PDB file of N, CA and C in Angstrom:
ATOM      1  N   UNK A   1     -27.007 -29.892 -62.214  1.00  0.00           N
ATOM      2  CA  UNK A   1     -26.424 -29.936 -63.536  1.00  0.00           C
ATOM      3  C   UNK A   1     -26.669 -28.596 -64.215  1.00  0.00           C
ATOM      4  N   UNK A   2     -25.725 -28.185 -65.027  1.00  0.00           N
ATOM      5  CA  UNK A   2     -25.846 -26.961 -65.803  1.00  0.00           C
ATOM      6  C   UNK A   2     -25.198 -27.186 -67.169  1.00  0.00           C
ATOM      7  N   UNK A   3     -25.232 -26.150 -67.990  1.00  0.00           N
ATOM      8  CA  UNK A   3     -24.645 -26.215 -69.333  1.00  0.00           C
ATOM      9  C   UNK A   3     -23.735 -25.013 -69.526  1.00  0.00           C
ATOM     10  N   UNK A   4     -22.515 -25.252 -69.995  1.00  0.00           N
ATOM     11  CA  UNK A   4     -21.551 -24.187 -70.240  1.00  0.00           C
ATOM     12  C   UNK A   4     -21.377 -23.990 -71.744  1.00  0.00           C
ATOM     13  N   UNK A   5     -21.479 -22.739 -72.213  1.00  0.00           N
ATOM     14  CA  UNK A   5     -21.195 -22.492 -73.621  1.00  0.00           C
ATOM     15  C   UNK A   5     -19.700 -22.697 -73.893  1.00  0.00           C
ATOM     16  N   UNK A   6     -19.372 -23.121 -75.109  1.00  0.00           N
ATOM     17  CA  UNK A   6     -17.961 -23.244 -75.486  1.00  0.00           C
ATOM     18  C   UNK A   6     -17.762 -22.768 -76.913  1.00  0.00           C
ATOM     19  N   UNK A   7     -16.491 -22.477 -77.210  1.00  0.00           N
ATOM     20  CA  UNK A   7     -16.102 -22.041 -78.545  1.00  0.00           C
ATOM     21  C   UNK A   7     -14.854 -22.802 -78.932  1.00  0.00           C
ATOM     22  N   UNK A   8     -14.701 -23.056 -80.205  1.00  0.00           N
ATOM     23  CA  UNK A   8     -13.521 -23.743 -80.721  1.00  0.00           C
ATOM     24  C   UNK A   8     -12.606 -22.681 -81.320  1.00  0.00           C
ATOM     25  N   UNK A   9     -11.426 -22.515 -80.708  1.00  0.00           N
ATOM     26  CA  UNK A   9     -10.451 -21.517 -81.132  1.00  0.00           C
ATOM     27  C   UNK A   9      -9.287 -22.269 -81.779  1.00  0.00           C
ATOM     28  N   UNK A  10      -9.010 -22.007 -83.080  1.00  0.00           N
ATOM     29  CA  UNK A  10      -7.968 -22.775 -83.776  1.00  0.00           C
ATOM     30  C   UNK A  10      -6.623 -22.804 -83.058  1.00  0.00           C
ATOM     31  N   UNK A  11      -6.197 -21.693 -82.486  1.00  0.00           N
ATOM     32  CA  UNK A  11      -4.885 -21.663 -81.831  1.00  0.00           C
ATOM     33  C   UNK A  11      -4.845 -22.506 -80.557  1.00  0.00           C
ATOM     34  N   UNK A  12      -6.011 -22.904 -80.044  1.00  0.00           N
ATOM     35  CA  UNK A  12      -6.082 -23.730 -78.836  1.00  0.00           C
ATOM     36  C   UNK A  12      -6.292 -25.207 -79.160  1.00  0.00           C
ATOM     37  N   UNK A  13      -6.210 -25.574 -80.425  1.00  0.00           N
ATOM     38  CA  UNK A  13      -6.442 -26.955 -80.829  1.00  0.00           C
ATOM     39  C   UNK A  13      -7.932 -27.238 -80.892  1.00  0.00           C
ATOM     40  N   UNK A  14      -8.304 -28.471 -80.705  1.00  0.00           N
ATOM     41  CA  UNK A  14      -9.713 -28.862 -80.829  1.00  0.00           C
ATOM     42  C   UNK A  14     -10.458 -28.831 -79.497  1.00  0.00           C
ATOM     43  N   UNK A  15      -9.806 -28.356 -78.433  1.00  0.00           N
ATOM     44  CA  UNK A  15     -10.470 -28.368 -77.129  1.00  0.00           C
ATOM     45  C   UNK A  15     -11.560 -27.304 -77.051  1.00  0.00           C
ATOM     46  N   UNK A  16     -12.516 -27.522 -76.170  1.00  0.00           N
ATOM     47  CA  UNK A  16     -13.612 -26.590 -75.952  1.00  0.00           C
ATOM     48  C   UNK A  16     -13.144 -25.486 -75.003  1.00  0.00           C
ATOM     49  N   UNK A  17     -13.146 -24.235 -75.462  1.00  0.00           N
ATOM     50  CA  UNK A  17     -12.765 -23.084 -74.644  1.00  0.00           C
ATOM     51  C   UNK A  17     -14.032 -22.485 -74.045  1.00  0.00           C
ATOM     52  N   UNK A  18     -14.042 -22.333 -72.722  1.00  0.00           N
ATOM     53  CA  UNK A  18     -15.234 -21.851 -72.036  1.00  0.00           C
ATOM     54  C   UNK A  18     -14.938 -20.561 -71.280  1.00  0.00           C
ATOM     55  N   UNK A  19     -15.989 -20.008 -70.700  1.00  0.00           N
ATOM     56  CA  UNK A  19     -15.838 -18.865 -69.807  1.00  0.00           C
ATOM     57  C   UNK A  19     -16.497 -19.233 -68.480  1.00  0.00           C
ATOM     58  N   UNK A  20     -16.778 -18.291 -67.624  1.00  0.00           N
ATOM     59  CA  UNK A  20     -17.337 -18.579 -66.309  1.00  0.00           C
ATOM     60  C   UNK A  20     -18.839 -18.749 -66.281  1.00  0.00           C
ATOM     61  N   UNK A  21     -19.492 -18.734 -67.434  1.00  0.00           N
ATOM     62  CA  UNK A  21     -20.946 -18.824 -67.467  1.00  0.00           C
ATOM     63  C   UNK A  21     -21.422 -20.269 -67.367  1.00  0.00           C
ATOM     64  N   UNK A  22     -22.570 -20.457 -66.705  1.00  0.00           N
ATOM     65  CA  UNK A  22     -23.241 -21.757 -66.641  1.00  0.00           C
ATOM     66  C   UNK A  22     -24.742 -21.484 -66.681  1.00  0.00           C
ATOM     67  N   UNK A  23     -25.452 -22.179 -67.569  1.00  0.00           N
ATOM     68  CA  UNK A  23     -26.882 -21.983 -67.776  1.00  0.00           C
ATOM     69  C   UNK A  23     -27.661 -23.219 -67.343  1.00  0.00           C
ATOM     70  N   UNK A  24     -28.939 -23.038 -67.046  1.00  0.00           N
ATOM     71  CA  UNK A  24     -29.782 -24.141 -66.589  1.00  0.00           C
ATOM     72  C   UNK A  24     -30.118 -25.106 -67.716  1.00  0.00           C
ATOM     73  N   UNK A  25     -30.171 -24.614 -68.952  1.00  0.00           N
ATOM     74  CA  UNK A  25     -30.557 -25.491 -70.062  1.00  0.00           C
ATOM     75  C   UNK A  25     -29.522 -25.444 -71.186  1.00  0.00           C
ATOM     76  N   UNK A  26     -29.499 -26.508 -71.960  1.00  0.00           N
ATOM     77  CA  UNK A  26     -28.613 -26.555 -73.122  1.00  0.00           C
ATOM     78  C   UNK A  26     -29.011 -25.487 -74.134  1.00  0.00           C
ATOM     79  N   UNK A  27     -30.318 -25.268 -74.316  1.00  0.00           N
ATOM     80  CA  UNK A  27     -30.782 -24.255 -75.268  1.00  0.00           C
ATOM     81  C   UNK A  27     -30.253 -22.864 -74.914  1.00  0.00           C
ATOM     82  N   UNK A  28     -30.272 -22.517 -73.624  1.00  0.00           N
ATOM     83  CA  UNK A  28     -29.758 -21.213 -73.200  1.00  0.00           C
ATOM     84  C   UNK A  28     -28.261 -21.104 -73.479  1.00  0.00           C
ATOM     85  N   UNK A  29     -27.524 -22.148 -73.144  1.00  0.00           N
ATOM     86  CA  UNK A  29     -26.074 -22.131 -73.358  1.00  0.00           C
ATOM     87  C   UNK A  29     -25.742 -22.036 -74.841  1.00  0.00           C
ATOM     88  N   UNK A  30     -26.485 -22.754 -75.673  1.00  0.00           N
ATOM     89  CA  UNK A  30     -26.253 -22.683 -77.114  1.00  0.00           C
ATOM     90  C   UNK A  30     -26.584 -21.302 -77.671  1.00  0.00           C
ATOM     91  N   UNK A  31     -27.670 -20.695 -77.199  1.00  0.00           N
ATOM     92  CA  UNK A  31     -28.037 -19.351 -77.663  1.00  0.00           C
ATOM     93  C   UNK A  31     -26.954 -18.346 -77.278  1.00  0.00           C
ATOM     94  N   UNK A  32     -26.442 -18.454 -76.065  1.00  0.00           N
ATOM     95  CA  UNK A  32     -25.365 -17.566 -75.623  1.00  0.00           C
ATOM     96  C   UNK A  32     -24.108 -17.786 -76.461  1.00  0.00           C
ATOM     97  N   UNK A  33     -23.733 -19.036 -76.673  1.00  0.00           N
ATOM     98  CA  UNK A  33     -22.539 -19.348 -77.458  1.00  0.00           C
ATOM     99  C   UNK A  33     -22.681 -18.823 -78.885  1.00  0.00           C
ATOM    100  N   UNK A  34     -23.847 -19.007 -79.470  1.00  0.00           N
ATOM    101  CA  UNK A  34     -24.077 -18.546 -80.839  1.00  0.00           C
ATOM    102  C   UNK A  34     -23.982 -17.023 -80.925  1.00  0.00           C
ATOM    103  N   UNK A  35     -24.586 -16.316 -79.964  1.00  0.00           N
ATOM    104  CA  UNK A  35     -24.554 -14.844 -79.981  1.00  0.00           C
ATOM    105  C   UNK A  35     -23.118 -14.336 -79.931  1.00  0.00           C
ATOM    106  N   UNK A  36     -22.304 -14.920 -79.072  1.00  0.00           N
ATOM    107  CA  UNK A  36     -20.902 -14.494 -78.972  1.00  0.00           C
ATOM    108  C   UNK A  36     -20.129 -14.914 -80.216  1.00  0.00           C
ATOM    109  N   UNK A  37     -20.422 -16.113 -80.726  1.00  0.00           N
ATOM    110  CA  UNK A  37     -19.755 -16.615 -81.932  1.00  0.00           C
ATOM    111  C   UNK A  37     -19.986 -15.663 -83.107  1.00  0.00           C
ATOM    112  N   UNK A  38     -21.183 -15.115 -83.217  1.00  0.00           N
ATOM    113  CA  UNK A  38     -21.507 -14.200 -84.319  1.00  0.00           C
ATOM    114  C   UNK A  38     -20.731 -12.887 -84.235  1.00  0.00           C
ATOM    115  N   UNK A  39     -20.283 -12.511 -83.037  1.00  0.00           N
ATOM    116  CA  UNK A  39     -19.559 -11.255 -82.859  1.00  0.00           C
ATOM    117  C   UNK A  39     -18.048 -11.409 -82.925  1.00  0.00           C
ATOM    118  N   UNK A  40     -17.549 -12.616 -82.763  1.00  0.00           N
ATOM    119  CA  UNK A  40     -16.115 -12.846 -82.771  1.00  0.00           C
ATOM    120  C   UNK A  40     -15.666 -13.267 -84.158  1.00  0.00           C
ATOM    121  N   UNK A  41     -14.383 -13.108 -84.449  1.00  0.00           N
ATOM    122  CA  UNK A  41     -13.856 -13.521 -85.746  1.00  0.00           C
ATOM    123  C   UNK A  41     -12.920 -14.722 -85.649  1.00  0.00           C
ATOM    124  N   UNK A  42     -12.484 -15.095 -84.455  1.00  0.00           N
ATOM    125  CA  UNK A  42     -11.513 -16.173 -84.293  1.00  0.00           C
ATOM    126  C   UNK A  42     -12.142 -17.563 -84.212  1.00  0.00           C
ATOM    127  N   UNK A  43     -13.235 -17.765 -83.452  1.00  0.00           N
ATOM    128  CA  UNK A  43     -13.755 -19.127 -83.310  1.00  0.00           C
ATOM    129  C   UNK A  43     -14.215 -19.730 -84.634  1.00  0.00           C
ATOM    130  N   UNK A  44     -14.053 -21.030 -84.741  1.00  0.00           N
ATOM    131  CA  UNK A  44     -14.518 -21.752 -85.922  1.00  0.00           C
ATOM    132  C   UNK A  44     -15.736 -22.612 -85.606  1.00  0.00           C
ATOM    133  N   UNK A  45     -16.182 -22.615 -84.359  1.00  0.00           N
ATOM    134  CA  UNK A  45     -17.353 -23.391 -83.962  1.00  0.00           C
ATOM    135  C   UNK A  45     -17.765 -23.026 -82.549  1.00  0.00           C
ATOM    136  N   UNK A  46     -18.913 -23.554 -82.133  1.00  0.00           N
ATOM    137  CA  UNK A  46     -19.425 -23.296 -80.789  1.00  0.00           C
ATOM    138  C   UNK A  46     -20.342 -24.432 -80.389  1.00  0.00           C
ATOM    139  N   UNK A  47     -20.719 -24.497 -79.111  1.00  0.00           N
ATOM    140  CA  UNK A  47     -21.625 -25.530 -78.632  1.00  0.00           C
ATOM    141  C   UNK A  47     -21.856 -25.356 -77.140  1.00  0.00           C
ATOM    142  N   UNK A  48     -22.304 -26.418 -76.482  1.00  0.00           N
ATOM    143  CA  UNK A  48     -22.547 -26.402 -75.039  1.00  0.00           C
ATOM    144  C   UNK A  48     -22.199 -27.770 -74.464  1.00  0.00           C
ATOM    145  N   UNK A  49     -21.536 -27.753 -73.330  1.00  0.00           N
ATOM    146  CA  UNK A  49     -21.161 -28.978 -72.629  1.00  0.00           C
ATOM    147  C   UNK A  49     -21.890 -29.045 -71.297  1.00  0.00           C
ATOM    148  N   UNK A  50     -22.252 -30.252 -70.889  1.00  0.00           N
ATOM    149  CA  UNK A  50     -22.832 -30.453 -69.562  1.00  0.00           C
ATOM    150  C   UNK A  50     -21.786 -30.126 -68.503  1.00  0.00           C
ATOM    151  N   UNK A  51     -22.239 -29.594 -67.372  1.00  0.00           N
ATOM    152  CA  UNK A  51     -21.320 -29.173 -66.318  1.00  0.00           C
ATOM    153  C   UNK A  51     -21.933 -29.442 -64.950  1.00  0.00           C
ATOM    154  N   UNK A  52     -21.064 -29.582 -63.947  1.00  0.00           N
ATOM    155  CA  UNK A  52     -21.547 -29.717 -62.577  1.00  0.00           C
ATOM    156  C   UNK A  52     -21.472 -28.381 -61.831  1.00  0.00           C
ATOM    157  N   UNK A  53     -21.135 -27.300 -62.532  1.00  0.00           N
ATOM    158  CA  UNK A  53     -21.055 -25.958 -61.942  1.00  0.00           C
ATOM    159  C   UNK A  53     -22.458 -25.439 -61.658  1.00  0.00           C
ATOM    160  N   UNK A  54     -22.615 -24.593 -60.616  1.00  0.00           N
ATOM    161  CA  UNK A  54     -23.926 -23.994 -60.364  1.00  0.00           C
ATOM    162  C   UNK A  54     -24.298 -23.020 -61.480  1.00  0.00           C
ATOM    163  N   UNK A  55     -25.582 -22.882 -61.736  1.00  0.00           N
ATOM    164  CA  UNK A  55     -26.078 -21.973 -62.767  1.00  0.00           C
ATOM    165  C   UNK A  55     -25.765 -20.538 -62.340  1.00  0.00           C
ATOM    166  N   UNK A  56     -25.166 -19.754 -63.250  1.00  0.00           N
ATOM    167  CA  UNK A  56     -24.802 -18.367 -62.964  1.00  0.00           C
ATOM    168  C   UNK A  56     -25.453 -17.366 -63.920  1.00  0.00           C
ATOM    169  N   UNK A  57     -26.003 -17.848 -65.031  1.00  0.00           N
ATOM    170  CA  UNK A  57     -26.593 -16.968 -66.034  1.00  0.00           C
ATOM    171  C   UNK A  57     -27.897 -17.539 -66.549  1.00  0.00           C
ATOM    172  N   UNK A  58     -28.729 -16.646 -67.098  1.00  0.00           N
ATOM    173  CA  UNK A  58     -29.941 -17.019 -67.798  1.00  0.00           C
ATOM    174  C   UNK A  58     -29.888 -16.322 -69.155  1.00  0.00           C
ATOM    175  N   UNK A  59     -30.447 -16.950 -70.186  1.00  0.00           N
ATOM    176  CA  UNK A  59     -30.467 -16.363 -71.516  1.00  0.00           C
ATOM    177  C   UNK A  59     -31.797 -15.667 -71.739  1.00  0.00           C
ATOM    178  N   UNK A  60     -31.747 -14.410 -72.114  1.00  0.00           N
ATOM    179  CA  UNK A  60     -32.934 -13.634 -72.460  1.00  0.00           C
ATOM    180  C   UNK A  60     -32.868 -13.345 -73.955  1.00  0.00           C
ATOM    181  N   UNK A  61     -33.887 -13.757 -74.740  1.00  0.00           N
ATOM    182  CA  UNK A  61     -33.832 -13.572 -76.189  1.00  0.00           C
ATOM    183  C   UNK A  61     -33.672 -12.116 -76.632  1.00  0.00           C
ATOM    184  N   UNK A  62     -34.103 -11.177 -75.823  1.00  0.00           N
ATOM    185  CA  UNK A  62     -33.975  -9.767 -76.194  1.00  0.00           C
ATOM    186  C   UNK A  62     -32.708  -9.110 -75.660  1.00  0.00           C
ATOM    187  N   UNK A  63     -32.281  -9.522 -74.473  1.00  0.00           N
ATOM    188  CA  UNK A  63     -31.136  -8.865 -73.832  1.00  0.00           C
ATOM    189  C   UNK A  63     -29.875  -9.712 -73.826  1.00  0.00           C
ATOM    190  N   UNK A  64     -29.974 -10.986 -74.166  1.00  0.00           N
ATOM    191  CA  UNK A  64     -28.800 -11.853 -74.179  1.00  0.00           C
ATOM    192  C   UNK A  64     -28.493 -12.432 -72.807  1.00  0.00           C
ATOM    193  N   UNK A  65     -27.200 -12.545 -72.498  1.00  0.00           N
ATOM    194  CA  UNK A  65     -26.743 -13.119 -71.230  1.00  0.00           C
ATOM    195  C   UNK A  65     -27.137 -12.214 -70.073  1.00  0.00           C
ATOM    196  N   UNK A  66     -27.792 -12.786 -69.073  1.00  0.00           N
ATOM    197  CA  UNK A  66     -28.212 -12.044 -67.887  1.00  0.00           C
ATOM    198  C   UNK A  66     -27.695 -12.775 -66.655  1.00  0.00           C
ATOM    199  N   UNK A  67     -26.785 -12.162 -65.876  1.00  0.00           N
ATOM    200  CA  UNK A  67     -26.293 -12.835 -64.672  1.00  0.00           C
ATOM    201  C   UNK A  67     -27.405 -12.982 -63.645  1.00  0.00           C
ATOM    202  N   UNK A  68     -27.388 -14.112 -62.958  1.00  0.00           N
ATOM    203  CA  UNK A  68     -28.338 -14.331 -61.874  1.00  0.00           C
ATOM    204  C   UNK A  68     -27.895 -13.533 -60.659  1.00  0.00           C
ATOM    205  N   UNK A  69     -28.826 -12.930 -59.982  1.00  0.00           N
ATOM    206  CA  UNK A  69     -28.485 -12.188 -58.764  1.00  0.00           C
ATOM    207  C   UNK A  69     -27.969 -13.155 -57.711  1.00  0.00           C
ATOM    208  N   UNK A  70     -26.890 -12.794 -57.078  1.00  0.00           N
ATOM    209  CA  UNK A  70     -26.304 -13.613 -56.022  1.00  0.00           C
ATOM    210  C   UNK A  70     -25.425 -14.740 -56.535  1.00  0.00           C
ATOM    211  N   UNK A  71     -25.269 -14.849 -57.846  1.00  0.00           N
ATOM    212  CA  UNK A  71     -24.436 -15.928 -58.396  1.00  0.00           C
ATOM    213  C   UNK A  71     -23.001 -15.489 -58.543  1.00  0.00           C
TER     214      UNK A  71
END
């Protein structure tokens, strides 16, 4: 199990828009989503959804999104 960050983009309706990232914990996915949300002007919300995708990223509080080697 993993967690994927998502953003709510008004032009896409109410669906959760994601990218290719998957984190081991909900906290990591939320931190990543929030960091990107703060830099974008289009999204109106953010969050994290459970996923069956393999984990591909880790969240570092100082450096942000860090890809896992070999992922």
